[in-house]
N, C-alpha and C. Protein backbone atom coordinates (compact mmCIF):
# COMPACT_ATOMS: atom_id res chain seq x y z
N MET A 1 92.88 93.60 103.00
CA MET A 1 94.16 93.13 102.70
C MET A 1 94.27 91.60 102.77
N ILE A 2 95.13 90.98 102.02
CA ILE A 2 95.49 89.60 102.09
C ILE A 2 96.76 89.51 102.80
N LEU A 3 96.98 88.50 103.75
CA LEU A 3 98.14 88.30 104.55
C LEU A 3 98.63 86.84 104.22
N VAL A 4 99.92 86.88 103.82
CA VAL A 4 100.58 85.57 103.46
C VAL A 4 101.85 85.39 104.25
N GLY A 5 102.05 84.08 104.77
CA GLY A 5 103.38 83.85 105.46
C GLY A 5 103.42 82.56 105.99
N SER A 6 104.57 82.19 106.56
CA SER A 6 104.82 80.89 107.28
C SER A 6 103.95 80.94 108.56
N LEU A 7 103.52 79.71 108.93
CA LEU A 7 102.80 79.53 110.18
C LEU A 7 103.76 79.76 111.32
N ASP A 8 103.98 80.90 111.81
CA ASP A 8 104.77 81.07 113.08
C ASP A 8 104.10 82.22 113.84
N LEU A 9 104.63 82.51 115.04
CA LEU A 9 104.06 83.44 115.90
C LEU A 9 104.03 84.91 115.37
N LEU A 10 105.08 85.21 114.59
CA LEU A 10 105.00 86.51 113.99
C LEU A 10 103.87 86.85 113.04
N ILE A 11 103.61 85.89 112.22
CA ILE A 11 102.50 86.04 111.22
C ILE A 11 101.17 86.01 111.92
N LEU A 12 101.16 85.28 113.04
CA LEU A 12 99.82 85.20 113.78
C LEU A 12 99.64 86.57 114.56
N LYS A 13 100.70 87.25 115.05
CA LYS A 13 100.58 88.51 115.55
C LYS A 13 100.08 89.51 114.55
N MET A 14 100.58 89.27 113.37
CA MET A 14 100.15 90.18 112.25
C MET A 14 98.65 89.95 112.05
N ALA A 15 98.36 88.69 112.00
CA ALA A 15 96.85 88.40 111.70
C ALA A 15 95.90 88.98 112.78
N LEU A 16 96.40 88.98 114.05
CA LEU A 16 95.68 89.58 115.15
C LEU A 16 95.39 91.04 114.96
N ILE A 17 96.57 91.73 114.50
CA ILE A 17 96.41 93.13 114.23
C ILE A 17 95.44 93.36 113.08
N GLY A 18 95.51 92.62 112.04
CA GLY A 18 94.67 92.79 110.92
C GLY A 18 93.15 92.38 111.13
N ALA A 19 92.98 91.40 111.95
CA ALA A 19 91.63 90.89 112.22
C ALA A 19 90.82 91.92 112.94
N LYS A 20 91.53 92.72 113.69
CA LYS A 20 90.76 93.87 114.46
C LYS A 20 90.32 94.80 113.49
N GLY A 21 88.99 94.99 113.41
CA GLY A 21 88.45 95.97 112.53
C GLY A 21 88.26 95.41 111.04
N ASN A 22 88.37 94.08 111.00
CA ASN A 22 88.16 93.38 109.74
C ASN A 22 89.01 93.91 108.60
N ARG A 23 90.31 94.23 108.82
CA ARG A 23 91.22 94.84 107.81
C ARG A 23 91.89 93.81 107.01
N ILE A 24 91.74 92.45 107.45
CA ILE A 24 92.31 91.35 106.60
C ILE A 24 91.16 90.49 106.26
N SER A 25 91.08 90.23 104.89
CA SER A 25 89.95 89.34 104.40
C SER A 25 90.39 87.90 104.15
N LEU A 26 91.66 87.66 103.89
CA LEU A 26 92.16 86.35 103.52
C LEU A 26 93.56 86.17 104.21
N LEU A 27 93.65 85.05 105.04
CA LEU A 27 94.86 84.72 105.64
C LEU A 27 95.43 83.42 105.03
N ILE A 28 96.59 83.45 104.44
CA ILE A 28 97.26 82.25 103.78
C ILE A 28 98.37 81.86 104.61
N LEU A 29 98.41 80.66 105.13
CA LEU A 29 99.47 80.27 105.95
C LEU A 29 100.22 79.03 105.37
N GLN A 30 101.57 79.09 105.31
CA GLN A 30 102.30 78.05 104.76
C GLN A 30 102.96 77.26 105.92
N VAL A 31 102.63 75.91 105.88
CA VAL A 31 103.29 75.11 106.97
C VAL A 31 104.37 74.15 106.29
N PRO A 32 105.41 73.88 106.98
CA PRO A 32 106.54 72.99 106.49
C PRO A 32 106.09 71.60 106.45
N ARG A 33 106.59 70.90 105.57
CA ARG A 33 106.30 69.36 105.55
C ARG A 33 107.13 68.74 106.56
N VAL A 34 106.57 68.13 107.52
CA VAL A 34 107.28 67.60 108.78
C VAL A 34 107.88 66.28 108.35
N ARG A 35 109.23 66.24 108.30
CA ARG A 35 109.95 65.07 107.88
C ARG A 35 111.06 64.79 108.96
N PRO A 36 110.69 64.19 110.09
CA PRO A 36 111.70 63.92 111.02
C PRO A 36 112.94 63.13 110.58
N ARG A 37 114.15 63.67 110.80
CA ARG A 37 115.33 62.87 110.50
C ARG A 37 116.23 63.00 111.71
N PHE A 38 116.24 61.90 112.37
CA PHE A 38 116.98 61.90 113.72
C PHE A 38 118.44 61.54 113.52
N LYS A 39 119.36 62.43 113.61
CA LYS A 39 120.68 62.17 113.34
C LYS A 39 121.54 62.28 114.56
N SER A 40 120.96 62.88 115.61
CA SER A 40 121.62 62.95 117.02
C SER A 40 120.61 62.73 118.08
N PRO A 41 121.10 62.41 119.33
CA PRO A 41 120.23 62.12 120.42
C PRO A 41 119.23 63.24 120.65
N LEU A 42 119.64 64.62 120.35
CA LEU A 42 118.87 65.67 120.69
C LEU A 42 117.69 66.00 119.68
N ASP A 43 117.80 65.34 118.48
CA ASP A 43 116.93 65.55 117.42
C ASP A 43 115.44 65.25 117.81
N PRO A 44 115.14 64.10 118.42
CA PRO A 44 113.73 63.90 118.82
C PRO A 44 113.16 64.96 119.71
N LEU A 45 114.06 65.44 120.65
CA LEU A 45 113.58 66.53 121.52
C LEU A 45 113.22 67.81 120.69
N ARG A 46 114.06 68.04 119.76
CA ARG A 46 113.85 69.31 118.90
C ARG A 46 112.53 69.05 118.07
N PHE A 47 112.35 67.88 117.62
CA PHE A 47 111.09 67.56 116.88
C PHE A 47 109.86 67.77 117.72
N VAL A 48 109.87 67.33 118.90
CA VAL A 48 108.75 67.48 119.87
C VAL A 48 108.56 68.95 120.15
N TRP A 49 109.62 69.77 120.32
CA TRP A 49 109.53 71.18 120.55
C TRP A 49 108.88 71.85 119.42
N ARG A 50 109.26 71.47 118.15
CA ARG A 50 108.63 72.17 116.97
C ARG A 50 107.20 71.78 116.80
N LEU A 51 106.93 70.54 117.25
CA LEU A 51 105.49 70.06 117.21
C LEU A 51 104.70 70.82 118.18
N PHE A 52 105.15 71.19 119.42
CA PHE A 52 104.49 71.78 120.42
C PHE A 52 104.29 73.32 120.00
N LYS A 53 105.25 73.89 119.34
CA LYS A 53 105.09 75.29 118.77
C LYS A 53 103.95 75.32 117.75
N LEU A 54 103.85 74.27 116.91
CA LEU A 54 102.89 74.18 115.86
C LEU A 54 101.49 74.06 116.49
N ILE A 55 101.32 73.29 117.59
CA ILE A 55 100.07 73.13 118.17
C ILE A 55 99.71 74.45 118.84
N TYR A 56 100.60 75.14 119.49
CA TYR A 56 100.38 76.44 120.08
C TYR A 56 99.91 77.49 119.00
N ALA A 57 100.57 77.47 117.89
CA ALA A 57 100.29 78.36 116.76
C ALA A 57 98.86 78.06 116.24
N LEU A 58 98.44 76.85 116.20
CA LEU A 58 97.11 76.49 115.72
C LEU A 58 95.99 76.98 116.76
N LEU A 59 96.38 76.91 118.06
CA LEU A 59 95.43 77.54 119.03
C LEU A 59 95.32 78.93 118.84
N LEU A 60 96.40 79.61 118.63
CA LEU A 60 96.28 81.09 118.29
C LEU A 60 95.49 81.38 117.06
N LEU A 61 95.69 80.45 116.10
CA LEU A 61 94.90 80.71 114.80
C LEU A 61 93.36 80.52 115.04
N ALA A 62 93.08 79.67 115.92
CA ALA A 62 91.57 79.48 116.31
C ALA A 62 91.11 80.79 116.88
N ALA A 63 91.91 81.36 117.79
CA ALA A 63 91.44 82.67 118.40
C ALA A 63 91.37 83.72 117.32
N ILE A 64 92.20 83.78 116.40
CA ILE A 64 92.19 84.84 115.24
C ILE A 64 90.91 84.66 114.41
N LYS A 65 90.47 83.34 114.19
CA LYS A 65 89.42 83.11 113.40
C LYS A 65 88.09 83.60 114.16
N VAL A 66 88.08 83.52 115.44
CA VAL A 66 86.91 83.89 116.21
C VAL A 66 86.89 85.36 116.19
N LEU A 67 88.09 86.13 116.27
CA LEU A 67 88.10 87.52 116.22
C LEU A 67 87.76 88.07 114.93
N GLY A 68 88.21 87.38 113.87
CA GLY A 68 87.93 87.89 112.43
C GLY A 68 86.51 87.52 111.96
N GLY A 69 85.89 86.57 112.58
CA GLY A 69 84.51 86.08 112.23
C GLY A 69 84.46 85.56 110.84
N SER A 70 83.28 85.65 110.23
CA SER A 70 83.03 85.05 109.01
C SER A 70 83.70 85.94 107.85
N HIS A 71 84.05 87.12 108.21
CA HIS A 71 84.76 87.99 107.19
C HIS A 71 86.08 87.48 106.77
N LEU A 72 86.79 86.78 107.69
CA LEU A 72 88.18 86.30 107.46
C LEU A 72 88.18 84.82 106.99
N LYS A 73 88.68 84.64 105.72
CA LYS A 73 88.90 83.29 105.26
C LYS A 73 90.42 82.91 105.48
N THR A 74 90.50 81.65 105.84
CA THR A 74 91.89 81.17 106.30
C THR A 74 92.29 79.91 105.32
N VAL A 75 93.36 79.97 104.75
CA VAL A 75 93.85 78.79 103.97
C VAL A 75 95.26 78.35 104.51
N ILE A 76 95.33 77.07 104.87
CA ILE A 76 96.62 76.50 105.44
C ILE A 76 97.12 75.42 104.38
N THR A 77 98.36 75.61 103.95
CA THR A 77 98.83 74.62 102.97
C THR A 77 100.25 74.41 103.04
N ASP A 78 100.76 73.23 102.60
CA ASP A 78 102.21 72.99 102.58
C ASP A 78 102.78 73.07 101.25
N ASN A 79 101.95 73.50 100.31
CA ASN A 79 102.44 73.79 98.94
C ASN A 79 101.62 74.94 98.28
N ILE A 80 101.89 76.14 98.67
CA ILE A 80 101.09 77.17 98.24
C ILE A 80 100.97 77.33 96.68
N ASN A 81 102.01 77.03 95.97
CA ASN A 81 102.03 77.24 94.48
C ASN A 81 101.14 76.08 93.74
N GLN A 82 100.89 75.08 94.35
CA GLN A 82 100.12 74.04 93.71
C GLN A 82 98.62 73.98 94.12
N LYS A 83 98.20 74.94 94.99
CA LYS A 83 96.73 74.84 95.45
C LYS A 83 95.86 75.67 94.50
N THR A 84 95.17 74.90 93.69
CA THR A 84 94.43 75.59 92.67
C THR A 84 93.12 76.48 93.10
N ASP A 85 92.58 75.93 94.30
CA ASP A 85 91.39 76.66 94.83
C ASP A 85 91.87 77.98 95.56
N LEU A 86 93.14 78.09 95.89
CA LEU A 86 93.67 79.28 96.38
C LEU A 86 93.81 80.36 95.31
N ARG A 87 94.24 79.91 94.01
CA ARG A 87 94.32 80.87 92.99
C ARG A 87 92.91 81.40 92.65
N LEU A 88 91.91 80.61 92.85
CA LEU A 88 90.60 81.04 92.54
C LEU A 88 90.13 82.12 93.58
N LEU A 89 90.45 81.84 94.87
CA LEU A 89 90.23 82.88 95.97
C LEU A 89 90.91 84.21 95.59
N LEU A 90 92.15 84.10 95.11
CA LEU A 90 92.88 85.34 94.82
C LEU A 90 92.25 86.03 93.67
N ARG A 91 91.82 85.32 92.70
CA ARG A 91 91.21 85.88 91.50
C ARG A 91 89.89 86.62 91.88
N GLU A 92 89.14 86.11 92.84
CA GLU A 92 87.86 86.65 93.24
C GLU A 92 88.01 87.75 94.32
N SER A 93 89.27 87.89 94.86
CA SER A 93 89.43 88.79 95.97
C SER A 93 89.29 90.32 95.51
N GLN A 94 88.63 91.03 96.37
CA GLN A 94 88.36 92.50 96.13
C GLN A 94 89.50 93.38 96.79
N SER A 95 90.44 92.73 97.39
CA SER A 95 91.46 93.40 98.13
C SER A 95 92.42 94.09 97.07
N GLU A 96 93.06 95.23 97.56
CA GLU A 96 93.96 95.85 96.69
C GLU A 96 95.43 95.42 96.98
N LEU A 97 95.71 94.88 98.12
CA LEU A 97 96.97 94.63 98.64
C LEU A 97 97.10 93.16 99.11
N ALA A 98 98.25 92.47 98.85
CA ALA A 98 98.58 91.26 99.45
C ALA A 98 99.97 91.40 100.06
N PHE A 99 100.00 91.19 101.41
CA PHE A 99 101.21 91.42 102.23
C PHE A 99 101.79 90.13 102.51
N VAL A 100 103.12 90.10 102.13
CA VAL A 100 103.80 88.70 102.27
C VAL A 100 104.99 88.85 103.40
N LYS A 101 105.00 87.93 104.27
CA LYS A 101 106.10 87.94 105.16
C LYS A 101 106.61 86.33 105.39
N GLY A 102 107.67 86.10 104.69
CA GLY A 102 108.21 84.71 104.86
C GLY A 102 107.49 83.69 103.94
N GLY A 103 107.98 82.41 104.08
CA GLY A 103 107.41 81.31 103.29
C GLY A 103 108.04 81.01 101.99
N ARG A 104 107.59 80.27 101.18
CA ARG A 104 108.10 79.91 99.88
C ARG A 104 108.12 80.97 98.93
N ILE A 105 108.97 80.96 97.95
CA ILE A 105 108.96 81.78 96.82
C ILE A 105 107.72 81.58 95.99
N LEU A 106 106.87 82.59 95.77
CA LEU A 106 105.65 82.52 95.03
C LEU A 106 105.81 82.41 93.55
N SER A 107 105.10 81.50 92.99
CA SER A 107 105.19 81.27 91.51
C SER A 107 104.50 82.42 90.72
N ALA A 108 104.94 82.43 89.36
CA ALA A 108 104.41 83.48 88.47
C ALA A 108 102.87 83.30 88.34
N GLU A 109 102.51 81.93 88.30
CA GLU A 109 101.02 81.71 88.16
C GLU A 109 100.22 82.16 89.37
N LEU A 110 100.78 81.96 90.57
CA LEU A 110 100.04 82.48 91.77
C LEU A 110 100.01 83.98 91.81
N LEU A 111 101.15 84.59 91.52
CA LEU A 111 101.22 86.09 91.61
C LEU A 111 100.31 86.73 90.57
N SER A 112 100.08 86.18 89.39
CA SER A 112 99.20 86.68 88.36
C SER A 112 97.79 86.32 88.69
N SER A 113 97.48 85.52 89.61
CA SER A 113 96.09 85.25 89.98
C SER A 113 95.44 86.33 90.74
N PHE A 114 96.24 87.22 91.31
CA PHE A 114 95.70 88.42 92.17
C PHE A 114 95.80 89.66 91.29
N ARG A 115 94.69 90.41 91.22
CA ARG A 115 94.68 91.63 90.41
C ARG A 115 95.31 92.85 91.17
N GLY A 116 95.39 92.71 92.43
CA GLY A 116 96.02 93.80 93.15
C GLY A 116 97.47 93.77 93.17
N THR A 117 98.04 94.41 94.21
CA THR A 117 99.56 94.56 94.30
C THR A 117 100.10 93.67 95.43
N TRP A 118 101.14 92.92 95.04
CA TRP A 118 101.83 92.09 96.10
C TRP A 118 102.94 92.93 96.72
N ILE A 119 103.00 93.01 98.07
CA ILE A 119 104.17 93.59 98.77
C ILE A 119 104.77 92.68 99.77
N ASN A 120 106.08 92.79 99.91
CA ASN A 120 106.83 91.87 100.71
C ASN A 120 107.65 92.60 101.80
N SER A 121 107.57 92.02 103.00
CA SER A 121 108.41 92.59 104.10
C SER A 121 109.63 91.77 104.26
N HIS A 122 110.70 92.34 103.74
CA HIS A 122 111.97 91.63 103.71
C HIS A 122 112.87 91.94 104.98
N GLY A 123 113.37 90.96 105.63
CA GLY A 123 114.18 91.20 106.79
C GLY A 123 115.64 91.59 106.59
N GLY A 124 115.79 92.60 105.77
CA GLY A 124 117.12 93.13 105.48
C GLY A 124 116.90 94.45 104.71
N VAL A 125 118.09 95.17 104.69
CA VAL A 125 118.04 96.47 103.94
C VAL A 125 118.42 96.27 102.46
N LEU A 126 117.35 96.57 101.61
CA LEU A 126 117.59 96.39 100.16
C LEU A 126 117.96 97.64 99.55
N PRO A 127 118.66 97.64 98.49
CA PRO A 127 119.13 96.45 97.69
C PRO A 127 120.32 95.81 98.16
N ARG A 128 121.01 96.29 99.28
CA ARG A 128 122.25 95.85 99.59
C ARG A 128 122.21 94.27 99.98
N TYR A 129 121.19 93.91 100.76
CA TYR A 129 121.22 92.50 101.33
C TYR A 129 119.87 91.76 100.85
N ARG A 130 120.02 91.09 99.81
CA ARG A 130 118.89 90.34 99.17
C ARG A 130 119.18 88.93 99.75
N GLY A 131 118.08 88.11 99.79
CA GLY A 131 118.22 86.73 100.07
C GLY A 131 117.94 86.37 101.58
N LEU A 132 118.74 85.45 102.14
CA LEU A 132 118.38 84.85 103.42
C LEU A 132 119.29 85.51 104.55
N ASP A 133 118.88 85.48 105.77
CA ASP A 133 119.70 85.78 106.96
C ASP A 133 120.33 87.28 106.74
N SER A 134 119.68 88.22 106.22
CA SER A 134 120.16 89.40 105.81
C SER A 134 120.90 90.10 106.96
N HIS A 135 120.17 90.00 108.15
CA HIS A 135 120.76 90.71 109.30
C HIS A 135 122.08 90.14 109.75
N LEU A 136 122.23 88.78 109.67
CA LEU A 136 123.43 88.19 110.07
C LEU A 136 124.64 88.58 109.10
N TRP A 137 124.36 88.50 107.81
CA TRP A 137 125.39 88.89 106.86
C TRP A 137 125.82 90.38 107.04
N ALA A 138 124.79 91.28 107.34
CA ALA A 138 125.18 92.65 107.57
C ALA A 138 126.10 92.81 108.85
N ILE A 139 125.63 92.16 109.96
CA ILE A 139 126.43 92.22 111.14
C ILE A 139 127.79 91.61 111.00
N SER A 140 127.93 90.41 110.42
CA SER A 140 129.20 89.83 110.20
C SER A 140 130.17 90.71 109.37
N SER A 141 129.62 91.53 108.49
CA SER A 141 130.40 92.44 107.63
C SER A 141 130.75 93.74 108.32
N GLY A 142 130.15 93.90 109.64
CA GLY A 142 130.48 95.11 110.28
C GLY A 142 129.61 96.30 109.76
N ASP A 143 128.57 95.94 108.94
CA ASP A 143 127.69 97.00 108.36
C ASP A 143 126.51 97.20 109.27
N PHE A 144 126.81 97.74 110.37
CA PHE A 144 125.69 98.02 111.38
C PHE A 144 124.65 98.88 111.06
N GLY A 145 124.96 99.80 110.06
CA GLY A 145 123.87 100.81 109.73
C GLY A 145 122.91 100.25 108.67
N ASN A 146 123.04 98.90 108.26
CA ASN A 146 122.20 98.33 107.22
C ASN A 146 121.52 97.09 107.88
N VAL A 147 121.11 97.15 109.08
CA VAL A 147 120.28 96.07 109.73
C VAL A 147 118.85 96.55 109.80
N GLY A 148 117.87 95.91 109.17
CA GLY A 148 116.57 96.36 109.37
C GLY A 148 115.61 95.63 108.45
N VAL A 149 114.54 96.27 107.99
CA VAL A 149 113.44 95.73 107.25
C VAL A 149 113.14 96.59 106.03
N THR A 150 112.88 95.99 104.97
CA THR A 150 112.44 96.79 103.73
C THR A 150 111.07 96.17 103.22
N LEU A 151 110.18 97.13 102.94
CA LEU A 151 108.91 96.75 102.42
C LEU A 151 108.95 97.18 101.00
N HIS A 152 108.70 96.19 100.10
CA HIS A 152 108.75 96.51 98.69
C HIS A 152 107.74 95.79 97.86
N GLU A 153 107.45 96.22 96.64
CA GLU A 153 106.59 95.49 95.74
C GLU A 153 107.18 94.24 95.21
N LEU A 154 106.44 93.26 95.07
CA LEU A 154 107.01 91.94 94.61
C LEU A 154 106.69 91.88 93.02
N ASN A 155 107.71 91.21 92.47
CA ASN A 155 107.56 90.83 90.99
C ASN A 155 108.15 89.30 90.85
N LEU A 156 108.44 89.04 89.67
CA LEU A 156 108.79 87.60 89.47
C LEU A 156 110.19 87.26 89.89
N GLU A 157 110.99 88.31 90.32
CA GLU A 157 112.41 88.03 90.71
C GLU A 157 112.40 88.09 92.20
N ILE A 158 113.45 87.45 92.80
CA ILE A 158 113.45 87.37 94.26
C ILE A 158 114.05 88.73 94.85
N ASP A 159 113.36 89.34 95.78
CA ASP A 159 113.67 90.57 96.47
C ASP A 159 114.06 91.66 95.55
N VAL A 160 113.15 91.76 94.55
CA VAL A 160 113.30 92.81 93.52
C VAL A 160 111.95 93.52 93.38
N GLY A 161 111.97 94.84 93.10
CA GLY A 161 110.70 95.61 93.03
C GLY A 161 110.84 96.98 93.53
N LYS A 162 109.83 97.79 93.46
CA LYS A 162 109.86 99.19 93.93
C LYS A 162 109.92 99.09 95.44
N ILE A 163 110.81 99.93 96.05
CA ILE A 163 110.96 100.04 97.50
C ILE A 163 109.86 101.00 98.08
N LEU A 164 109.15 100.58 99.12
CA LEU A 164 108.10 101.49 99.61
C LEU A 164 108.56 102.07 101.04
N LYS A 165 109.33 101.32 101.73
CA LYS A 165 109.69 101.68 103.13
C LYS A 165 110.88 100.92 103.58
N VAL A 166 111.85 101.72 104.19
CA VAL A 166 112.95 100.99 104.84
C VAL A 166 113.16 101.48 106.23
N THR A 167 113.12 100.55 107.19
CA THR A 167 113.19 100.83 108.57
C THR A 167 114.42 100.18 109.15
N LYS A 168 115.38 100.86 109.84
CA LYS A 168 116.61 100.31 110.30
C LYS A 168 116.54 100.16 111.82
N PHE A 169 117.17 99.06 112.28
CA PHE A 169 117.41 98.68 113.69
C PHE A 169 118.67 99.23 114.17
N LYS A 170 118.64 99.93 115.30
CA LYS A 170 119.79 100.51 116.00
C LYS A 170 120.38 99.45 116.90
N LEU A 171 121.40 98.85 116.49
CA LEU A 171 121.96 97.77 117.32
C LEU A 171 123.21 98.31 118.10
N LYS A 172 123.66 97.62 119.17
CA LYS A 172 124.80 97.88 119.84
C LYS A 172 125.84 96.77 119.73
N PHE A 173 127.04 97.05 120.12
CA PHE A 173 128.06 96.00 119.93
C PHE A 173 127.81 94.80 120.83
N ASP A 174 127.13 95.02 122.01
CA ASP A 174 126.88 93.93 122.91
C ASP A 174 125.42 93.33 122.74
N SER A 175 124.82 93.75 121.71
CA SER A 175 123.44 93.28 121.47
C SER A 175 123.48 91.86 121.09
N THR A 176 122.50 91.10 121.65
CA THR A 176 122.57 89.62 121.33
C THR A 176 121.66 89.42 120.04
N ILE A 177 121.91 88.25 119.31
CA ILE A 177 121.17 88.00 118.12
C ILE A 177 119.58 87.95 118.48
N GLY A 178 119.38 87.33 119.59
CA GLY A 178 117.94 87.34 120.04
C GLY A 178 117.23 88.60 120.10
N GLU A 179 118.02 89.57 120.70
CA GLU A 179 117.51 90.97 120.84
C GLU A 179 117.28 91.64 119.52
N ILE A 180 118.21 91.38 118.61
CA ILE A 180 118.17 91.98 117.27
C ILE A 180 117.07 91.36 116.49
N GLU A 181 116.89 89.99 116.62
CA GLU A 181 115.76 89.39 115.82
C GLU A 181 114.42 89.79 116.33
N LYS A 182 114.30 89.99 117.67
CA LYS A 182 113.13 90.50 118.28
C LYS A 182 112.82 91.96 117.72
N GLY A 183 113.85 92.74 117.60
CA GLY A 183 113.66 94.11 117.09
C GLY A 183 113.28 94.08 115.68
N ILE A 184 113.79 93.18 114.85
CA ILE A 184 113.48 93.05 113.42
C ILE A 184 112.05 92.66 113.31
N ASN A 185 111.54 91.71 114.06
CA ASN A 185 110.17 91.28 114.07
C ASN A 185 109.22 92.49 114.44
N ALA A 186 109.68 93.36 115.31
CA ALA A 186 108.86 94.57 115.65
C ALA A 186 108.84 95.48 114.44
N LEU A 187 109.87 95.51 113.67
CA LEU A 187 109.87 96.39 112.45
C LEU A 187 108.90 95.80 111.34
N HIS A 188 108.87 94.43 111.24
CA HIS A 188 107.92 93.77 110.32
C HIS A 188 106.44 94.23 110.71
N LEU A 189 106.22 94.09 112.01
CA LEU A 189 104.86 94.51 112.53
C LEU A 189 104.51 96.04 112.13
N GLU A 190 105.62 96.85 112.29
CA GLU A 190 105.50 98.23 112.03
C GLU A 190 105.13 98.40 110.49
N SER A 191 105.80 97.62 109.65
CA SER A 191 105.56 97.69 108.20
C SER A 191 104.11 97.29 107.91
N LEU A 192 103.60 96.21 108.56
CA LEU A 192 102.17 95.83 108.28
C LEU A 192 101.22 96.96 108.78
N ARG A 193 101.50 97.55 109.80
CA ARG A 193 100.56 98.64 110.24
C ARG A 193 100.60 99.76 109.32
N TRP A 194 101.79 100.04 108.79
CA TRP A 194 101.93 101.13 107.82
C TRP A 194 101.20 100.91 106.49
N ALA A 195 101.25 99.58 106.08
CA ALA A 195 100.45 99.19 104.88
C ALA A 195 98.97 99.21 105.13
N LEU A 196 98.53 98.69 106.27
CA LEU A 196 97.09 98.72 106.63
C LEU A 196 96.56 100.11 106.69
N ASP A 197 97.37 100.98 107.30
CA ASP A 197 96.92 102.40 107.38
C ASP A 197 96.82 103.12 106.07
N ALA A 198 97.67 102.60 105.14
CA ALA A 198 97.64 103.23 103.71
C ALA A 198 96.33 103.06 103.08
N ARG A 199 95.66 101.99 103.41
CA ARG A 199 94.29 101.79 102.89
C ARG A 199 94.18 101.79 101.30
N GLY A 200 95.04 101.06 100.77
CA GLY A 200 94.95 100.99 99.25
C GLY A 200 96.28 101.29 98.58
N VAL A 201 96.39 100.86 97.32
CA VAL A 201 97.71 101.02 96.54
C VAL A 201 97.89 102.38 96.26
N SER A 202 96.94 103.27 95.96
CA SER A 202 97.16 104.59 95.52
C SER A 202 97.77 105.37 96.61
N ASN A 203 97.74 104.97 97.85
CA ASN A 203 98.27 105.76 98.98
C ASN A 203 99.74 105.24 99.38
N LEU A 204 100.12 104.21 98.72
CA LEU A 204 101.57 103.75 98.90
C LEU A 204 102.51 104.54 98.02
N GLN A 205 103.56 105.10 98.62
CA GLN A 205 104.44 105.87 97.72
C GLN A 205 105.74 105.13 97.77
N THR A 206 106.45 105.12 96.63
CA THR A 206 107.75 104.46 96.54
C THR A 206 108.86 105.43 97.02
N ILE A 207 109.95 104.89 97.43
CA ILE A 207 111.07 105.78 97.84
C ILE A 207 112.37 105.29 96.96
N GLY A 208 113.11 106.21 96.43
CA GLY A 208 114.28 105.82 95.68
C GLY A 208 113.86 105.00 94.40
N GLU A 209 114.96 104.34 93.91
CA GLU A 209 114.73 103.54 92.67
C GLU A 209 114.27 102.03 92.99
N SER A 210 113.82 101.44 91.96
CA SER A 210 113.38 100.09 92.16
C SER A 210 114.59 99.16 92.35
N ILE A 211 114.44 98.07 93.08
CA ILE A 211 115.49 97.14 93.32
C ILE A 211 115.71 96.35 92.07
N ASN A 212 116.93 96.23 91.64
CA ASN A 212 117.25 95.35 90.48
C ASN A 212 117.91 94.08 91.03
N SER A 213 118.13 93.11 90.02
CA SER A 213 118.76 91.86 90.42
C SER A 213 120.17 91.76 90.29
N LYS A 214 120.82 93.01 90.16
CA LYS A 214 122.27 93.05 90.00
C LYS A 214 123.05 93.00 91.33
N GLY A 215 122.30 93.23 92.38
CA GLY A 215 123.03 93.30 93.67
C GLY A 215 123.19 91.83 94.20
N SER A 216 123.99 91.76 95.26
CA SER A 216 124.41 90.50 95.81
C SER A 216 123.22 89.70 96.44
N TYR A 217 123.15 88.44 96.16
CA TYR A 217 122.06 87.64 96.78
C TYR A 217 122.79 86.65 97.77
N PHE A 218 122.32 86.63 99.00
CA PHE A 218 122.92 85.94 100.09
C PHE A 218 122.20 84.61 100.37
N SER A 219 122.88 83.50 100.57
CA SER A 219 122.24 82.22 100.94
C SER A 219 122.18 82.20 102.45
N ARG A 220 121.86 80.92 102.92
CA ARG A 220 121.76 80.77 104.36
C ARG A 220 123.12 81.03 105.03
N PHE A 221 123.02 81.77 106.20
CA PHE A 221 124.30 82.12 106.86
C PHE A 221 124.93 80.77 107.41
N PRO A 222 126.29 80.58 107.18
CA PRO A 222 126.83 79.38 107.52
C PRO A 222 127.06 79.18 109.04
N GLY A 223 127.07 77.98 109.50
CA GLY A 223 127.22 77.79 111.00
C GLY A 223 125.84 78.00 111.74
N ARG A 224 125.94 77.57 113.07
CA ARG A 224 124.81 77.73 113.90
C ARG A 224 124.93 78.98 114.75
N VAL A 225 123.99 79.93 114.61
CA VAL A 225 124.08 81.11 115.36
C VAL A 225 122.93 81.03 116.48
N ARG A 226 123.33 81.14 117.75
CA ARG A 226 122.42 81.10 118.85
C ARG A 226 121.87 82.47 119.27
N SER A 227 120.71 82.47 119.90
CA SER A 227 120.09 83.71 120.14
C SER A 227 120.87 84.46 121.21
N TRP A 228 121.73 83.78 122.04
CA TRP A 228 122.54 84.52 123.05
C TRP A 228 123.82 85.10 122.58
N HIS A 229 124.14 84.60 121.30
CA HIS A 229 125.47 85.19 120.76
C HIS A 229 125.34 86.72 120.62
N THR A 230 126.46 87.30 120.78
CA THR A 230 126.45 88.80 120.63
C THR A 230 126.94 89.24 119.27
N VAL A 231 126.76 90.48 118.96
CA VAL A 231 127.35 91.02 117.82
C VAL A 231 128.83 90.84 117.72
N GLU A 232 129.52 91.09 118.85
CA GLU A 232 130.94 90.99 118.94
C GLU A 232 131.49 89.52 118.59
N SER A 233 130.75 88.54 119.13
CA SER A 233 131.16 87.24 118.94
C SER A 233 130.86 86.77 117.52
N LEU A 234 129.80 87.28 116.88
CA LEU A 234 129.46 86.89 115.46
C LEU A 234 130.57 87.37 114.46
N ILE A 235 131.04 88.65 114.79
CA ILE A 235 132.09 89.22 113.96
C ILE A 235 133.50 88.46 114.10
N LYS A 236 133.77 88.07 115.40
CA LYS A 236 135.03 87.33 115.65
C LYS A 236 134.86 85.95 114.98
N ASN A 237 133.79 85.26 115.05
CA ASN A 237 133.71 83.91 114.49
C ASN A 237 133.73 83.97 113.01
N ASP A 238 133.35 85.06 112.46
CA ASP A 238 133.33 85.12 110.94
C ASP A 238 134.72 85.40 110.38
N LYS A 239 135.58 85.90 111.17
CA LYS A 239 136.92 86.26 110.63
C LYS A 239 137.85 85.10 110.59
């Protein structure tokens, strides 16, 4: 399998799972372009904290490379769609699946470079919640039964394709956003394990109908939501 995502702790946990038993052959990590813009006295501290997390992630990546050995190839880029040697690696790959979690929207040229199937782990219940911050939009709407993760095939449209697996998170009224996001990350890991255990496209079964682009697409959730905020406070602030 090929694993694609933003360079963060979740994707590195996924890589650790896949590196065991040599089940991931190519790891593609997208890093943000660091452009510090200091608009408040706290901004330099936030920048240092993000830099520290990046260094920590790189140390974890080194451990993953040791665990994966020569079997695991790693590509780190700040512009995945413009990297021509990456398209060559995808063209030559013998993997049947490419698992995506987070990062930039992939271009048609990049998607077509891979002969296998692209699947995406989306942090929301599709087709109801396409786009960004899906769990926050569901919670603020009081739609507690539709907070979770959807694994689906990727195509040229955003959050559109055949649904493979939907896993929902059971939240409580006093659950904090941090607890919910931790639970959603656990569901992403569950989706990866499920895809790895399938061992090939032929063993992946779709459920329900394909997602179409007619549903609502949500942008970034407005305002600043803290990890200690509760479901109750989020609903009250949204009203």
